[in-house]
PDB file of N, CA and C in Angstrom:
ATOM      1  N   MET A   1      25.075  46.685  51.408  1.00  0.00           N
ATOM      2  CA  MET A   1      25.409  47.840  52.204  1.00  0.00           C
ATOM      3  C   MET A   1      25.833  47.390  53.600  1.00  0.00           C
ATOM      4  N   THR A   2      26.767  48.107  54.138  1.00  0.00           N
ATOM      5  CA  THR A   2      27.208  47.793  55.487  1.00  0.00           C
ATOM      6  C   THR A   2      26.287  48.471  56.497  1.00  0.00           C
ATOM      7  N   PRO A   3      26.268  48.006  57.746  1.00  0.00           N
ATOM      8  CA  PRO A   3      25.445  48.676  58.767  1.00  0.00           C
ATOM      9  C   PRO A   3      25.808  50.146  58.919  1.00  0.00           C
ATOM     10  N   GLU A   4      27.100  50.462  58.770  1.00  0.00           N
ATOM     11  CA  GLU A   4      27.535  51.859  58.871  1.00  0.00           C
ATOM     12  C   GLU A   4      26.921  52.701  57.760  1.00  0.00           C
ATOM     13  N   THR A   5      26.898  52.159  56.552  1.00  0.00           N
ATOM     14  CA  THR A   5      26.314  52.889  55.425  1.00  0.00           C
ATOM     15  C   THR A   5      24.823  53.097  55.644  1.00  0.00           C
ATOM     16  N   LEU A   6      24.122  52.066  56.100  1.00  0.00           N
ATOM     17  CA  LEU A   6      22.680  52.184  56.317  1.00  0.00           C
ATOM     18  C   LEU A   6      22.347  53.247  57.351  1.00  0.00           C
ATOM     19  N   THR A   7      23.133  53.365  58.396  1.00  0.00           N
ATOM     20  CA  THR A   7      22.846  54.365  59.424  1.00  0.00           C
ATOM     21  C   THR A   7      23.253  55.756  59.000  1.00  0.00           C
ATOM     22  N   SER A   8      24.034  55.869  57.933  1.00  0.00           N
ATOM     23  CA  SER A   8      24.449  57.188  57.478  1.00  0.00           C
ATOM     24  C   SER A   8      23.526  57.742  56.394  1.00  0.00           C
ATOM     25  N   ILE A   9      22.475  57.012  56.019  1.00  0.00           N
ATOM     26  CA  ILE A   9      21.535  57.475  54.999  1.00  0.00           C
ATOM     27  C   ILE A   9      20.454  58.323  55.661  1.00  0.00           C
ATOM     28  N   ARG A  10      20.252  59.511  55.114  1.00  0.00           N
ATOM     29  CA  ARG A  10      19.262  60.447  55.643  1.00  0.00           C
ATOM     30  C   ARG A  10      18.262  60.813  54.557  1.00  0.00           C
ATOM     31  N   GLU A  11      16.998  60.863  54.941  1.00  0.00           N
ATOM     32  CA  GLU A  11      15.950  61.307  54.026  1.00  0.00           C
ATOM     33  C   GLU A  11      15.868  62.831  54.109  1.00  0.00           C
ATOM     34  N   LEU A  12      16.099  63.501  52.987  1.00  0.00           N
ATOM     35  CA  LEU A  12      16.064  64.959  52.951  1.00  0.00           C
ATOM     36  C   LEU A  12      14.676  65.491  52.624  1.00  0.00           C
ATOM     37  N   ASP A  13      13.926  64.723  51.839  1.00  0.00           N
ATOM     38  CA  ASP A  13      12.565  65.118  51.473  1.00  0.00           C
ATOM     39  C   ASP A  13      11.842  63.881  50.973  1.00  0.00           C
ATOM     40  N   SER A  14      10.516  63.907  51.033  1.00  0.00           N
ATOM     41  CA  SER A  14       9.732  62.800  50.494  1.00  0.00           C
ATOM     42  C   SER A  14       8.348  63.311  50.131  1.00  0.00           C
ATOM     43  N   ARG A  15       7.710  62.575  49.239  1.00  0.00           N
ATOM     44  CA  ARG A  15       6.329  62.882  48.866  1.00  0.00           C
ATOM     45  C   ARG A  15       5.664  61.581  48.445  1.00  0.00           C
ATOM     46  N   PHE A  16       4.346  61.571  48.564  1.00  0.00           N
ATOM     47  CA  PHE A  16       3.561  60.396  48.205  1.00  0.00           C
ATOM     48  C   PHE A  16       2.343  60.874  47.437  1.00  0.00           C
ATOM     49  N   ASN A  17       2.132  60.313  46.231  1.00  0.00           N
ATOM     50  CA  ASN A  17       1.001  60.711  45.412  1.00  0.00           C
ATOM     51  C   ASN A  17       0.595  59.558  44.508  1.00  0.00           C
ATOM     52  N   ASP A  18      -0.682  59.234  44.514  1.00  0.00           N
ATOM     53  CA  ASP A  18      -1.245  58.245  43.602  1.00  0.00           C
ATOM     54  C   ASP A  18      -0.496  56.913  43.635  1.00  0.00           C
ATOM     55  N   GLY A  19      -0.081  56.493  44.817  1.00  0.00           N
ATOM     56  CA  GLY A  19       0.587  55.210  44.945  1.00  0.00           C
ATOM     57  C   GLY A  19       2.084  55.239  44.712  1.00  0.00           C
ATOM     58  N   PHE A  20       2.651  56.414  44.442  1.00  0.00           N
ATOM     59  CA  PHE A  20       4.089  56.534  44.205  1.00  0.00           C
ATOM     60  C   PHE A  20       4.744  57.274  45.363  1.00  0.00           C
ATOM     61  N   GLN A  21       5.800  56.675  45.888  1.00  0.00           N
ATOM     62  CA  GLN A  21       6.587  57.314  46.931  1.00  0.00           C
ATOM     63  C   GLN A  21       7.905  57.763  46.313  1.00  0.00           C
ATOM     64  N   VAL A  22       8.214  59.048  46.478  1.00  0.00           N
ATOM     65  CA  VAL A  22       9.452  59.620  45.954  1.00  0.00           C
ATOM     66  C   VAL A  22      10.246  60.151  47.143  1.00  0.00           C
ATOM     67  N   ARG A  23      11.514  59.739  47.236  1.00  0.00           N
ATOM     68  CA  ARG A  23      12.344  60.137  48.367  1.00  0.00           C
ATOM     69  C   ARG A  23      13.675  60.700  47.877  1.00  0.00           C
ATOM     70  N   LEU A  24      14.095  61.802  48.466  1.00  0.00           N
ATOM     71  CA  LEU A  24      15.408  62.393  48.213  1.00  0.00           C
ATOM     72  C   LEU A  24      16.302  61.945  49.368  1.00  0.00           C
ATOM     73  N   LEU A  25      17.356  61.189  49.051  1.00  0.00           N
ATOM     74  CA  LEU A  25      18.195  60.567  50.074  1.00  0.00           C
ATOM     75  C   LEU A  25      19.646  61.023  49.950  1.00  0.00           C
ATOM     76  N   TRP A  26      20.326  61.073  51.088  1.00  0.00           N
ATOM     77  CA  TRP A  26      21.727  61.482  51.151  1.00  0.00           C
ATOM     78  C   TRP A  26      22.481  60.538  52.072  1.00  0.00           C
ATOM     79  N   CYS A  27      23.649  60.123  51.666  1.00  0.00           N
ATOM     80  CA  CYS A  27      24.512  59.279  52.493  1.00  0.00           C
ATOM     81  C   CYS A  27      25.648  60.142  53.026  1.00  0.00           C
ATOM     82  N   SER A  28      25.653  60.381  54.321  1.00  0.00           N
ATOM     83  CA  SER A  28      26.686  61.228  54.915  1.00  0.00           C
ATOM     84  C   SER A  28      28.063  60.563  54.856  1.00  0.00           C
ATOM     85  N   HIS A  29      28.083  59.257  54.776  1.00  0.00           N
ATOM     86  CA  HIS A  29      29.346  58.511  54.715  1.00  0.00           C
ATOM     87  C   HIS A  29      30.056  58.727  53.377  1.00  0.00           C
ATOM     88  N   THR A  30      29.295  58.731  52.284  1.00  0.00           N
ATOM     89  CA  THR A  30      29.887  58.860  50.943  1.00  0.00           C
ATOM     90  C   THR A  30      29.638  60.222  50.301  1.00  0.00           C
ATOM     91  N   GLY A  31      28.656  60.971  50.811  1.00  0.00           N
ATOM     92  CA  GLY A  31      28.296  62.257  50.210  1.00  0.00           C
ATOM     93  C   GLY A  31      27.384  62.122  49.003  1.00  0.00           C
ATOM     94  N   ARG A  32      26.975  60.908  48.656  1.00  0.00           N
ATOM     95  CA  ARG A  32      26.121  60.690  47.487  1.00  0.00           C
ATOM     96  C   ARG A  32      24.680  61.079  47.798  1.00  0.00           C
ATOM     97  N   VAL A  33      24.000  61.609  46.770  1.00  0.00           N
ATOM     98  CA  VAL A  33      22.588  61.989  46.861  1.00  0.00           C
ATOM     99  C   VAL A  33      21.866  61.296  45.713  1.00  0.00           C
ATOM    100  N   TRP A  34      20.667  60.790  45.984  1.00  0.00           N
ATOM    101  CA  TRP A  34      19.879  60.140  44.943  1.00  0.00           C
ATOM    102  C   TRP A  34      18.400  60.274  45.259  1.00  0.00           C
ATOM    103  N   VAL A  35      17.595  60.005  44.225  1.00  0.00           N
ATOM    104  CA  VAL A  35      16.142  59.996  44.365  1.00  0.00           C
ATOM    105  C   VAL A  35      15.681  58.569  44.141  1.00  0.00           C
ATOM    106  N   SER A  36      14.853  58.089  45.038  1.00  0.00           N
ATOM    107  CA  SER A  36      14.299  56.740  44.959  1.00  0.00           C
ATOM    108  C   SER A  36      12.801  56.851  44.702  1.00  0.00           C
ATOM    109  N   VAL A  37      12.304  56.091  43.725  1.00  0.00           N
ATOM    110  CA  VAL A  37      10.877  56.089  43.387  1.00  0.00           C
ATOM    111  C   VAL A  37      10.350  54.669  43.579  1.00  0.00           C
ATOM    112  N   LEU A  38       9.238  54.548  44.306  1.00  0.00           N
ATOM    113  CA  LEU A  38       8.608  53.256  44.569  1.00  0.00           C
ATOM    114  C   LEU A  38       7.143  53.323  44.190  1.00  0.00           C
ATOM    115  N   ASP A  39       6.702  52.371  43.366  1.00  0.00           N
ATOM    116  CA  ASP A  39       5.284  52.189  43.086  1.00  0.00           C
ATOM    117  C   ASP A  39       4.781  51.229  44.156  1.00  0.00           C
ATOM    118  N   THR A  40       4.023  51.732  45.118  1.00  0.00           N
ATOM    119  CA  THR A  40       3.598  50.911  46.252  1.00  0.00           C
ATOM    120  C   THR A  40       2.615  49.823  45.859  1.00  0.00           C
ATOM    121  N   ARG A  41       1.980  49.941  44.701  1.00  0.00           N
ATOM    122  CA  ARG A  41       1.034  48.914  44.273  1.00  0.00           C
ATOM    123  C   ARG A  41       1.747  47.705  43.698  1.00  0.00           C
ATOM    124  N   SER A  42       2.771  47.938  42.906  1.00  0.00           N
ATOM    125  CA  SER A  42       3.476  46.822  42.257  1.00  0.00           C
ATOM    126  C   SER A  42       4.819  46.502  42.911  1.00  0.00           C
ATOM    127  N   GLU A  43       5.284  47.379  43.792  1.00  0.00           N
ATOM    128  CA  GLU A  43       6.590  47.249  44.449  1.00  0.00           C
ATOM    129  C   GLU A  43       7.746  47.457  43.472  1.00  0.00           C
ATOM    130  N   ASP A  44       7.485  47.961  42.260  1.00  0.00           N
ATOM    131  CA  ASP A  44       8.556  48.300  41.323  1.00  0.00           C
ATOM    132  C   ASP A  44       9.245  49.567  41.810  1.00  0.00           C
ATOM    133  N   THR A  45      10.544  49.643  41.564  1.00  0.00           N
ATOM    134  CA  THR A  45      11.312  50.786  42.044  1.00  0.00           C
ATOM    135  C   THR A  45      12.443  51.126  41.083  1.00  0.00           C
ATOM    136  N   PHE A  46      12.882  52.368  41.125  1.00  0.00           N
ATOM    137  CA  PHE A  46      14.100  52.784  40.437  1.00  0.00           C
ATOM    138  C   PHE A  46      14.710  53.928  41.215  1.00  0.00           C
ATOM    139  N   ARG A  47      15.977  54.211  40.914  1.00  0.00           N
ATOM    140  CA  ARG A  47      16.644  55.327  41.572  1.00  0.00           C
ATOM    141  C   ARG A  47      17.440  56.128  40.567  1.00  0.00           C
ATOM    142  N   VAL A  48      17.569  57.417  40.855  1.00  0.00           N
ATOM    143  CA  VAL A  48      18.305  58.331  39.997  1.00  0.00           C
ATOM    144  C   VAL A  48      19.373  59.011  40.847  1.00  0.00           C
ATOM    145  N   GLU A  49      20.613  58.834  40.462  1.00  0.00           N
ATOM    146  CA  GLU A  49      21.718  59.487  41.158  1.00  0.00           C
ATOM    147  C   GLU A  49      21.683  60.987  40.853  1.00  0.00           C
ATOM    148  N   VAL A  50      21.929  61.811  41.849  1.00  0.00           N
ATOM    149  CA  VAL A  50      22.014  63.259  41.661  1.00  0.00           C
ATOM    150  C   VAL A  50      23.486  63.584  41.423  1.00  0.00           C
ATOM    151  N   TYR A  51      23.784  64.119  40.234  1.00  0.00           N
ATOM    152  CA  TYR A  51      25.158  64.474  39.895  1.00  0.00           C
ATOM    153  C   TYR A  51      25.489  65.862  40.436  1.00  0.00           C
ATOM    154  N   GLU A  52      26.787  66.179  40.484  1.00  0.00           N
ATOM    155  CA  GLU A  52      27.223  67.482  40.999  1.00  0.00           C
ATOM    156  C   GLU A  52      26.582  68.645  40.260  1.00  0.00           C
ATOM    157  N   ALA A  53      26.407  68.512  38.964  1.00  0.00           N
ATOM    158  CA  ALA A  53      25.837  69.601  38.162  1.00  0.00           C
ATOM    159  C   ALA A  53      24.317  69.711  38.307  1.00  0.00           C
ATOM    160  N   ASP A  54      23.689  68.717  38.920  1.00  0.00           N
ATOM    161  CA  ASP A  54      22.227  68.705  39.076  1.00  0.00           C
ATOM    162  C   ASP A  54      21.795  69.539  40.276  1.00  0.00           C
ATOM    163  N   ARG A  55      20.573  70.007  40.197  1.00  0.00           N
ATOM    164  CA  ARG A  55      19.928  70.615  41.358  1.00  0.00           C
ATOM    165  C   ARG A  55      19.086  69.500  41.994  1.00  0.00           C
ATOM    166  N   PRO A  56      19.419  69.099  43.213  1.00  0.00           N
ATOM    167  CA  PRO A  56      18.750  67.948  43.826  1.00  0.00           C
ATOM    168  C   PRO A  56      17.222  68.040  43.831  1.00  0.00           C
ATOM    169  N   LEU A  57      16.664  69.206  44.089  1.00  0.00           N
ATOM    170  CA  LEU A  57      15.205  69.312  44.109  1.00  0.00           C
ATOM    171  C   LEU A  57      14.601  69.167  42.715  1.00  0.00           C
ATOM    172  N   ASP A  58      15.362  69.537  41.676  1.00  0.00           N
ATOM    173  CA  ASP A  58      14.869  69.302  40.315  1.00  0.00           C
ATOM    174  C   ASP A  58      14.759  67.804  40.043  1.00  0.00           C
ATOM    175  N   VAL A  59      15.768  67.052  40.462  1.00  0.00           N
ATOM    176  CA  VAL A  59      15.724  65.594  40.283  1.00  0.00           C
ATOM    177  C   VAL A  59      14.587  65.009  41.112  1.00  0.00           C
ATOM    178  N   PHE A  60      14.395  65.523  42.327  1.00  0.00           N
ATOM    179  CA  PHE A  60      13.322  65.060  43.205  1.00  0.00           C
ATOM    180  C   PHE A  60      11.948  65.315  42.587  1.00  0.00           C
ATOM    181  N   HIS A  61      11.759  66.486  41.993  1.00  0.00           N
ATOM    182  CA  HIS A  61      10.453  66.827  41.423  1.00  0.00           C
ATOM    183  C   HIS A  61      10.225  66.221  40.036  1.00  0.00           C
ATOM    184  N   HIS A  62      11.287  65.843  39.338  1.00  0.00           N
ATOM    185  CA  HIS A  62      11.154  65.308  37.971  1.00  0.00           C
ATOM    186  C   HIS A  62      12.002  64.050  37.773  1.00  0.00           C
ATOM    187  N   PRO A  63      11.825  63.035  38.621  1.00  0.00           N
ATOM    188  CA  PRO A  63      12.698  61.854  38.507  1.00  0.00           C
ATOM    189  C   PRO A  63      12.545  61.096  37.196  1.00  0.00           C
ATOM    190  N   TYR A  64      11.357  61.099  36.616  1.00  0.00           N
ATOM    191  CA  TYR A  64      11.171  60.387  35.348  1.00  0.00           C
ATOM    192  C   TYR A  64      11.926  61.061  34.218  1.00  0.00           C
ATOM    193  N   ALA A  65      11.959  62.379  34.207  1.00  0.00           N
ATOM    194  CA  ALA A  65      12.703  63.105  33.174  1.00  0.00           C
ATOM    195  C   ALA A  65      14.199  62.802  33.277  1.00  0.00           C
ATOM    196  N   TYR A  66      14.732  62.845  34.484  1.00  0.00           N
ATOM    197  CA  TYR A  66      16.150  62.554  34.676  1.00  0.00           C
ATOM    198  C   TYR A  66      16.457  61.093  34.370  1.00  0.00           C
ATOM    199  N   ALA A  67      15.591  60.187  34.767  1.00  0.00           N
ATOM    200  CA  ALA A  67      15.798  58.773  34.464  1.00  0.00           C
ATOM    201  C   ALA A  67      15.816  58.552  32.957  1.00  0.00           C
ATOM    202  N   GLY A  68      14.892  59.194  32.253  1.00  0.00           N
ATOM    203  CA  GLY A  68      14.840  59.057  30.802  1.00  0.00           C
ATOM    204  C   GLY A  68      16.097  59.574  30.126  1.00  0.00           C
ATOM    205  N   GLN A  69      16.604  60.718  30.580  1.00  0.00           N
ATOM    206  CA  GLN A  69      17.832  61.294  30.013  1.00  0.00           C
ATOM    207  C   GLN A  69      19.030  60.382  30.228  1.00  0.00           C
ATOM    208  N   ARG A  70      19.013  59.630  31.311  1.00  0.00           N
ATOM    209  CA  ARG A  70      20.163  58.806  31.671  1.00  0.00           C
ATOM    210  C   ARG A  70      20.003  57.336  31.304  1.00  0.00           C
ATOM    211  N   GLY A  71      18.897  57.002  30.654  1.00  0.00           N
ATOM    212  CA  GLY A  71      18.686  55.626  30.218  1.00  0.00           C
ATOM    213  C   GLY A  71      18.392  54.660  31.351  1.00  0.00           C
ATOM    214  N   ILE A  72      17.831  55.175  32.438  1.00  0.00           N
ATOM    215  CA  ILE A  72      17.496  54.336  33.589  1.00  0.00           C
ATOM    216  C   ILE A  72      16.109  53.746  33.375  1.00  0.00           C
ATOM    217  N   ALA A  73      15.991  52.443  33.564  1.00  0.00           N
ATOM    218  CA  ALA A  73      14.689  51.787  33.425  1.00  0.00           C
ATOM    219  C   ALA A  73      13.787  52.230  34.572  1.00  0.00           C
ATOM    220  N   THR A  74      12.607  52.698  34.236  1.00  0.00           N
ATOM    221  CA  THR A  74      11.652  53.141  35.241  1.00  0.00           C
ATOM    222  C   THR A  74      10.569  52.094  35.417  1.00  0.00           C
ATOM    223  N   ILE A  75       9.644  52.389  36.248  1.00  0.00           N
ATOM    224  CA  ILE A  75       8.542  51.479  36.530  1.00  0.00           C
ATOM    225  C   ILE A  75       7.818  51.156  35.227  1.00  0.00           C
ATOM    226  N   PRO A  76       7.625  49.877  34.928  1.00  0.00           N
ATOM    227  CA  PRO A  76       6.984  49.506  33.664  1.00  0.00           C
ATOM    228  C   PRO A  76       5.549  50.014  33.577  1.00  0.00           C
ATOM    229  N   ARG A  77       5.175  50.394  32.398  1.00  0.00           N
ATOM    230  CA  ARG A  77       3.803  50.825  32.131  1.00  0.00           C
ATOM    231  C   ARG A  77       2.921  49.584  31.999  1.00  0.00           C
ATOM    232  N   PRO A  78       1.630  49.704  32.315  1.00  0.00           N
ATOM    233  CA  PRO A  78       0.745  48.556  32.106  1.00  0.00           C
ATOM    234  C   PRO A  78       0.731  48.164  30.633  1.00  0.00           C
ATOM    235  N   ALA A  79       0.606  46.886  30.370  1.00  0.00           N
ATOM    236  CA  ALA A  79       0.557  46.403  28.989  1.00  0.00           C
ATOM    237  C   ALA A  79      -0.644  46.996  28.273  1.00  0.00           C
ATOM    238  N   ALA A  80      -0.438  47.374  27.029  1.00  0.00           N
ATOM    239  CA  ALA A  80      -1.521  47.936  26.241  1.00  0.00           C
ATOM    240  C   ALA A  80      -2.557  46.852  25.947  1.00  0.00           C
ATOM    241  N   SER A  81      -3.801  47.251  25.962  1.00  0.00           N
ATOM    242  CA  SER A  81      -4.850  46.293  25.656  1.00  0.00           C
ATOM    243  C   SER A  81      -4.814  45.950  24.173  1.00  0.00           C
ATOM    244  N   GLU A  82      -5.494  44.892  23.782  1.00  0.00           N
ATOM    245  CA  GLU A  82      -5.519  44.505  22.369  1.00  0.00           C
ATOM    246  C   GLU A  82      -6.136  45.606  21.522  1.00  0.00           C
ATOM    247  N   ALA A  83      -7.153  46.319  22.061  1.00  0.00           N
ATOM    248  CA  ALA A  83      -7.774  47.411  21.321  1.00  0.00           C
ATOM    249  C   ALA A  83      -6.775  48.549  21.091  1.00  0.00           C
ATOM    250  N   ASP A  84      -5.967  48.875  22.124  1.00  0.00           N
ATOM    251  CA  ASP A  84      -4.937  49.913  21.983  1.00  0.00           C
ATOM    252  C   ASP A  84      -3.911  49.513  20.944  1.00  0.00           C
ATOM    253  N   GLN A  85      -3.501  48.232  20.968  1.00  0.00           N
ATOM    254  CA  GLN A  85      -2.509  47.760  20.010  1.00  0.00           C
ATOM    255  C   GLN A  85      -3.062  47.818  18.593  1.00  0.00           C
ATOM    256  N   ALA A  86      -4.342  47.483  18.414  1.00  0.00           N
ATOM    257  CA  ALA A  86      -4.950  47.525  17.082  1.00  0.00           C
ATOM    258  C   ALA A  86      -5.026  48.961  16.575  1.00  0.00           C
ATOM    259  N   LEU A  87      -5.322  49.913  17.448  1.00  0.00           N
ATOM    260  CA  LEU A  87      -5.376  51.315  17.042  1.00  0.00           C
ATOM    261  C   LEU A  87      -4.006  51.824  16.661  1.00  0.00           C
ATOM    262  N   ALA A  88      -2.964  51.359  17.325  1.00  0.00           N
ATOM    263  CA  ALA A  88      -1.602  51.810  17.043  1.00  0.00           C
ATOM    264  C   ALA A  88      -1.085  51.236  15.728  1.00  0.00           C
ATOM    265  N   ALA A  89      -1.640  50.124  15.268  1.00  0.00           N
ATOM    266  CA  ALA A  89      -1.142  49.461  14.048  1.00  0.00           C
ATOM    267  C   ALA A  89      -1.568  50.163  12.792  1.00  0.00           C
TER     268      ALA A  89
END
Protein backbone atom coordinates (compact mmCIF):
# COMPACT_ATOMS: atom_id res chain seq x y z
CA MET A 1 0.00 0.00 0.00
CA THR A 2 1.15 3.50 -0.70
CA PRO A 3 1.27 6.16 2.04
CA GLU A 4 -1.64 7.90 0.29
CA THR A 5 -3.74 4.74 0.45
CA LEU A 6 -2.94 4.19 4.13
CA THR A 7 -4.03 7.71 5.07
CA SER A 8 -7.25 7.33 3.12
CA ILE A 9 -8.42 4.29 5.14
CA ARG A 10 -11.13 5.08 7.68
CA GLU A 11 -12.58 2.86 10.38
CA LEU A 12 -16.38 3.06 10.17
CA ASP A 13 -17.13 0.69 13.04
CA SER A 14 -15.35 -1.79 15.28
CA ARG A 15 -16.08 -4.29 18.02
CA PHE A 16 -14.04 -6.52 20.29
CA ASN A 17 -15.31 -9.73 21.88
CA ASP A 18 -13.63 -12.82 23.30
CA GLY A 19 -10.26 -11.98 21.78
CA PHE A 20 -11.61 -11.14 18.31
CA GLN A 21 -11.39 -7.67 16.83
CA VAL A 22 -13.77 -6.94 13.95
CA ARG A 23 -13.39 -3.71 11.98
CA LEU A 24 -15.46 -2.19 9.17
CA LEU A 25 -13.03 -0.22 6.98
CA TRP A 26 -13.42 2.13 4.02
CA CYS A 27 -10.80 3.53 1.65
CA SER A 28 -11.80 6.98 0.46
CA HIS A 29 -9.18 6.79 -2.30
CA THR A 30 -10.67 3.68 -3.95
CA GLY A 31 -14.19 3.58 -2.46
CA ARG A 32 -13.64 -0.03 -1.33
CA VAL A 33 -15.21 -1.29 1.91
CA TRP A 34 -14.17 -4.43 3.77
CA VAL A 35 -14.36 -6.16 7.14
CA SER A 36 -11.16 -7.21 8.87
CA VAL A 37 -11.17 -9.90 11.59
CA LEU A 38 -8.20 -10.42 13.93
CA ASP A 39 -7.79 -13.12 16.56
CA THR A 40 -5.65 -11.20 19.06
CA ARG A 41 -4.48 -14.39 20.76
CA SER A 42 -3.03 -16.09 17.69
CA GLU A 43 -2.62 -13.02 15.44
CA ASP A 44 -4.52 -14.89 12.67
CA THR A 45 -6.54 -12.61 10.43
CA PHE A 46 -8.83 -12.56 7.41
CA ARG A 47 -10.79 -9.96 5.51
CA VAL A 48 -14.06 -9.93 3.63
CA GLU A 49 -14.66 -7.46 0.82
CA VAL A 50 -18.07 -5.75 0.93
CA TYR A 51 -19.65 -5.98 -2.52
CA GLU A 52 -22.08 -3.41 -3.96
CA ALA A 53 -25.03 -5.73 -3.38
CA ASP A 54 -24.04 -6.31 0.27
CA ARG A 55 -25.23 -4.39 3.27
CA PRO A 56 -21.97 -3.37 4.99
CA LEU A 57 -23.31 -3.80 8.52
CA ASP A 58 -24.51 -7.31 7.67
CA VAL A 59 -20.97 -8.22 6.62
CA PHE A 60 -19.64 -6.52 9.77
CA HIS A 61 -21.99 -8.46 12.05
CA HIS A 62 -21.60 -11.81 10.23
CA PRO A 63 -18.10 -11.92 8.71
CA TYR A 64 -17.76 -15.69 9.10
CA ALA A 65 -20.96 -16.32 7.14
CA TYR A 66 -19.82 -14.07 4.30
CA ALA A 67 -16.32 -15.54 4.33
CA GLY A 68 -17.77 -19.04 4.13
CA GLN A 69 -20.02 -18.12 1.19
CA ARG A 70 -17.05 -16.68 -0.67
CA GLY A 71 -14.55 -19.43 0.09
CA ILE A 72 -12.32 -17.17 2.18
CA ALA A 73 -10.06 -18.99 4.63
CA THR A 74 -10.90 -17.88 8.16
CA ILE A 75 -9.04 -18.21 11.40
CA PRO A 76 -8.13 -21.88 11.88
CA ARG A 77 -9.99 -23.84 14.51
CA PRO A 78 -7.96 -25.52 17.26
CA ALA A 79 -6.91 -29.05 16.34
CA ALA A 80 -9.31 -31.69 17.56
CA SER A 81 -8.06 -33.76 20.44
CA GLU A 82 -7.42 -37.48 19.95
CA ALA A 83 -10.60 -38.22 21.95
CA ASP A 84 -12.65 -35.97 19.62
CA GLN A 85 -11.13 -37.65 16.57
CA ALA A 86 -11.92 -41.11 17.97
CA LEU A 87 -15.55 -40.11 18.60
CA ALA A 88 -15.87 -38.77 15.05
CA ALA A 89 -14.56 -42.05 13.54
